C-alpha atoms as a PDB file:
ATOM      1  CA  MET A   1     -73.667  -7.893 -35.040  1.00  0.00           C
ATOM      2  CA  LEU A   2     -76.478  -5.709 -35.868  1.00  0.00           C
ATOM      3  CA  ASP A   3     -78.768  -6.000 -38.598  1.00  0.00           C
ATOM      4  CA  ALA A   4     -79.927  -3.511 -41.070  1.00  0.00           C
ATOM      5  CA  LYS A   5     -82.339  -1.849 -38.013  1.00  0.00           C
ATOM      6  CA  ASP A   6     -79.856  -2.102 -35.507  1.00  0.00           C
ATOM      7  CA  LYS A   7     -81.292  -4.989 -33.526  1.00  0.00           C
ATOM      8  CA  LEU A   8     -78.481  -6.737 -31.860  1.00  0.00           C
ATOM      9  CA  VAL A   9     -78.594 -10.513 -34.110  1.00  0.00           C
ATOM     10  CA  GLY A  10     -75.223 -11.875 -32.580  1.00  0.00           C
ATOM     11  CA  ILE A  11     -72.064 -11.805 -30.492  1.00  0.00           C
ATOM     12  CA  LEU A  12     -68.749 -12.979 -31.772  1.00  0.00           C
ATOM     13  CA  ASP A  13     -66.494 -13.984 -28.409  1.00  0.00           C
ATOM     14  CA  PHE A  14     -63.578 -16.009 -28.143  1.00  0.00           C
ATOM     15  CA  LYS A  15     -64.601 -19.020 -28.189  1.00  0.00           C
ATOM     16  CA  SER A  16     -66.369 -18.653 -31.752  1.00  0.00           C
ATOM     17  CA  ILE A  17     -63.292 -17.557 -32.746  1.00  0.00           C
ATOM     18  CA  LEU A  18     -61.549 -20.900 -31.533  1.00  0.00           C
ATOM     19  CA  LYS A  19     -64.367 -23.106 -33.148  1.00  0.00           C
ATOM     20  CA  VAL A  20     -63.874 -21.834 -36.757  1.00  0.00           C
ATOM     21  CA  LEU A  21     -60.076 -21.260 -36.385  1.00  0.00           C
ATOM     22  CA  MET A  22     -59.240 -24.590 -34.267  1.00  0.00           C
ATOM     23  CA  PRO A  23     -62.090 -26.966 -34.729  1.00  0.00           C
ATOM     24  CA  GLU A  24     -59.631 -30.074 -33.484  1.00  0.00           C
ATOM     25  CA  ILE A  25     -59.153 -28.570 -30.671  1.00  0.00           C
ATOM     26  CA  THR A  26     -62.555 -26.923 -29.557  1.00  0.00           C
ATOM     27  CA  GLY A  27     -64.932 -29.382 -31.852  1.00  0.00           C
ATOM     28  CA  ARG A  28     -66.618 -32.425 -30.954  1.00  0.00           C
ATOM     29  CA  ILE A  29     -64.696 -35.348 -31.900  1.00  0.00           C
ATOM     30  CA  SER A  30     -66.268 -35.611 -35.457  1.00  0.00           C
ATOM     31  CA  GLY A  31     -65.375 -32.254 -36.289  1.00  0.00           C
ATOM     32  CA  LYS A  32     -61.819 -32.737 -34.810  1.00  0.00           C
ATOM     33  CA  LEU A  33     -61.456 -35.485 -37.257  1.00  0.00           C
ATOM     34  CA  ARG A  34     -62.833 -33.603 -40.094  1.00  0.00           C
ATOM     35  CA  ALA A  35     -60.497 -30.903 -39.284  1.00  0.00           C
ATOM     36  CA  LEU A  36     -57.663 -33.058 -39.092  1.00  0.00           C
ATOM     37  CA  ASN A  37     -59.059 -34.806 -42.821  1.00  0.00           C
ATOM     38  CA  VAL A  38     -59.416 -37.790 -40.808  1.00  0.00           C
ATOM     39  CA  SER A  39     -62.492 -40.488 -41.243  1.00  0.00           C
ATOM     40  CA  ILE A  40     -64.232 -41.727 -38.206  1.00  0.00           C
ATOM     41  CA  ALA A  41     -63.260 -45.218 -39.408  1.00  0.00           C
ATOM     42  CA  PHE A  42     -59.380 -44.261 -39.942  1.00  0.00           C
ATOM     43  CA  ALA A  43     -59.531 -43.115 -36.597  1.00  0.00           C
ATOM     44  CA  GLU A  44     -61.207 -45.948 -35.146  1.00  0.00           C
ATOM     45  CA  ALA A  45     -58.808 -48.184 -36.881  1.00  0.00           C
ATOM     46  CA  ASP A  46     -55.805 -46.241 -36.412  1.00  0.00           C
ATOM     47  CA  ALA A  47     -55.059 -46.175 -39.739  1.00  0.00           C
ATOM     48  CA  HIS A  48     -54.088 -42.942 -40.747  1.00  0.00           C
ATOM     49  CA  ASP A  49     -51.158 -40.820 -39.862  1.00  0.00           C
ATOM     50  CA  MET A  50     -52.211 -38.287 -37.591  1.00  0.00           C
ATOM     51  CA  ASP A  51     -48.534 -36.892 -37.254  1.00  0.00           C
ATOM     52  CA  HIS A  52     -49.123 -35.676 -41.050  1.00  0.00           C
ATOM     53  CA  ALA A  53     -52.498 -34.373 -40.227  1.00  0.00           C
ATOM     54  CA  LYS A  54     -50.658 -32.281 -37.549  1.00  0.00           C
ATOM     55  CA  HIS A  55     -48.300 -30.274 -40.171  1.00  0.00           C
ATOM     56  CA  GLY A  56     -51.189 -28.696 -41.719  1.00  0.00           C
ATOM     57  CA  PHE A  57     -52.573 -26.758 -38.641  1.00  0.00           C
ATOM     58  CA  ARG A  58     -50.963 -23.738 -39.217  1.00  0.00           C
ATOM     59  CA  SER A  59     -52.247 -23.761 -43.300  1.00  0.00           C
ATOM     60  CA  ARG A  60     -55.890 -25.010 -41.518  1.00  0.00           C
ATOM     61  CA  VAL A  61     -55.862 -21.767 -39.214  1.00  0.00           C
ATOM     62  CA  ARG A  62     -54.843 -19.573 -42.363  1.00  0.00           C
ATOM     63  CA  GLN A  63     -57.998 -21.121 -44.388  1.00  0.00           C
ATOM     64  CA  ASN A  64     -60.750 -21.061 -41.454  1.00  0.00           C
ATOM     65  CA  ALA A  65     -59.878 -17.583 -41.431  1.00  0.00           C
ATOM     66  CA  GLN A  66     -61.435 -16.465 -44.403  1.00  0.00           C
ATOM     67  CA  ASN A  67     -64.840 -17.444 -42.447  1.00  0.00           C
ATOM     68  CA  HIS A  68     -67.733 -14.451 -42.215  1.00  0.00           C
ATOM     69  CA  VAL A  69     -69.133 -12.721 -38.798  1.00  0.00           C
ATOM     70  CA  ARG A  70     -72.236 -13.729 -39.681  1.00  0.00           C
ATOM     71  CA  ASP A  71     -71.545 -17.682 -40.198  1.00  0.00           C
ATOM     72  CA  VAL A  72     -69.338 -17.527 -36.617  1.00  0.00           C
ATOM     73  CA  MET A  73     -70.900 -15.592 -34.106  1.00  0.00           C
ATOM     74  CA  LEU A  74     -72.640 -16.707 -31.135  1.00  0.00           C
ATOM     75  CA  LYS A  75     -76.622 -16.441 -32.213  1.00  0.00           C
ATOM     76  CA  THR A  76     -79.100 -14.297 -29.644  1.00  0.00           C
ATOM     77  CA  ARG A  77     -82.334 -15.697 -29.056  1.00  0.00           C
ATOM     78  CA  GLY A  78     -84.613 -14.262 -26.368  1.00  0.00           C
ATOM     79  CA  THR A  79     -84.495 -11.224 -24.617  1.00  0.00           C
ATOM     80  CA  ILE A  80     -85.486  -9.698 -20.629  1.00  0.00           C
ATOM     81  CA  ASP A  81     -86.328  -6.638 -19.788  1.00  0.00           C
ATOM     82  CA  ALA A  82     -83.434  -4.789 -16.966  1.00  0.00           C
ATOM     83  CA  ASP A  83     -85.547  -4.506 -14.513  1.00  0.00           C
ATOM     84  CA  ALA A  84     -86.428  -8.459 -14.352  1.00  0.00           C
ATOM     85  CA  GLY A  85     -85.523 -10.581 -11.586  1.00  0.00           C
ATOM     86  CA  PHE A  86     -82.475 -12.613 -11.718  1.00  0.00           C
ATOM     87  CA  LEU A  87     -84.134 -15.831 -11.518  1.00  0.00           C
ATOM     88  CA  ASP A  88     -86.550 -14.770 -14.400  1.00  0.00           C
ATOM     89  CA  ALA A  89     -83.513 -15.021 -16.178  1.00  0.00           C
ATOM     90  CA  LEU A  90     -81.857 -17.667 -14.842  1.00  0.00           C
ATOM     91  CA  LYS A  91     -85.201 -19.701 -15.468  1.00  0.00           C
ATOM     92  CA  MET A  92     -85.124 -17.616 -19.202  1.00  0.00           C
ATOM     93  CA  ILE A  93     -81.666 -18.919 -20.363  1.00  0.00           C
ATOM     94  CA  TYR A  94     -81.865 -22.628 -18.467  1.00  0.00           C
ATOM     95  CA  ARG A  95     -85.644 -23.320 -20.156  1.00  0.00           C
ATOM     96  CA  ASN A  96     -84.545 -21.957 -23.806  1.00  0.00           C
ATOM     97  CA  LYS A  97     -81.332 -23.591 -23.517  1.00  0.00           C
ATOM     98  CA  ILE A  98     -79.557 -20.530 -24.293  1.00  0.00           C
ATOM     99  CA  THR A  99     -76.354 -19.012 -23.247  1.00  0.00           C
ATOM    100  CA  VAL A 100     -76.610 -15.013 -23.729  1.00  0.00           C
ATOM    101  CA  LEU A 101     -79.831 -12.691 -23.275  1.00  0.00           C
ATOM    102  CA  ARG A 102     -80.251  -9.628 -24.896  1.00  0.00           C
ATOM    103  CA  VAL A 103     -81.495  -7.295 -22.138  1.00  0.00           C
ATOM    104  CA  TYR A 104     -83.513  -3.784 -22.903  1.00  0.00           C
ATOM    105  CA  GLU A 105     -84.680  -0.770 -21.410  1.00  0.00           C
ATOM    106  CA  GLY A 106     -87.852  -0.735 -23.650  1.00  0.00           C
ATOM    107  CA  ASP A 107     -86.840  -0.742 -26.833  1.00  0.00           C
ATOM    108  CA  LYS A 108     -83.510   0.008 -26.041  1.00  0.00           C
ATOM    109  CA  LEU A 109     -80.574  -2.382 -25.912  1.00  0.00           C
ATOM    110  CA  VAL A 110     -78.715  -2.087 -22.558  1.00  0.00           C
ATOM    111  CA  GLY A 111     -76.859  -5.014 -22.486  1.00  0.00           C
ATOM    112  CA  VAL A 112     -76.245  -8.766 -23.043  1.00  0.00           C
ATOM    113  CA  LEU A 113     -76.623 -11.352 -19.716  1.00  0.00           C
ATOM    114  CA  ARG A 114     -74.514 -14.380 -20.123  1.00  0.00           C
ATOM    115  CA  ASP A 115     -75.249 -17.871 -18.439  1.00  0.00           C
ATOM    116  CA  SER A 116     -71.693 -17.161 -16.934  1.00  0.00           C
ATOM    117  CA  ASP A 117     -72.514 -14.106 -15.467  1.00  0.00           C
ATOM    118  CA  LEU A 118     -75.145 -15.770 -13.834  1.00  0.00           C
ATOM    119  CA  PHE A 119     -72.957 -18.609 -12.560  1.00  0.00           C
ATOM    120  CA  LEU A 120     -70.922 -15.938 -11.359  1.00  0.00           C
ATOM    121  CA  ALA A 121     -73.893 -14.414  -9.439  1.00  0.00           C
ATOM    122  CA  VAL A 122     -75.004 -17.480  -8.045  1.00  0.00           C
ATOM    123  CA  ALA A 123     -71.203 -18.413  -6.838  1.00  0.00           C
ATOM    124  CA  ASN A 124     -71.735 -14.874  -5.148  1.00  0.00           C
ATOM    125  CA  VAL A 125     -74.399 -15.743  -3.227  1.00  0.00           C
ATOM    126  CA  LEU A 126     -73.382 -19.089  -1.978  1.00  0.00           C
ATOM    127  CA  ILE A 127     -69.793 -17.671  -0.556  1.00  0.00           C
ATOM    128  CA  GLU A 128     -71.563 -14.854   1.057  1.00  0.00           C
ATOM    129  CA  GLN A 129     -73.926 -17.017   3.437  1.00  0.00           C
END
């Protein structure tokens, strides 16, 4: 997603879509219960009919699909130069607790670097030894 000045402000990935469409599957326990219309107190007391909540799955997915991309997207914070070192990117992602870095060559956005990309690169280094 680009802003009015064509700057990258977010990315829409499959995980973000799933979190919105099916929070009972991908979210934290409170989000799962809220999506199923079950309070934590009822869930702890086992006093709610969970089968009833499951029947509305299709309608909940349809209702959740009404969200906007800007509300769902993975917001990007942080940038790195395309010539930066691998360890610099790793440190930046770890220290800032982010999962995506925008990669620039000068003022031009040339890509994004995900934490999973770094994980795979580290795995490849370890496999090669």
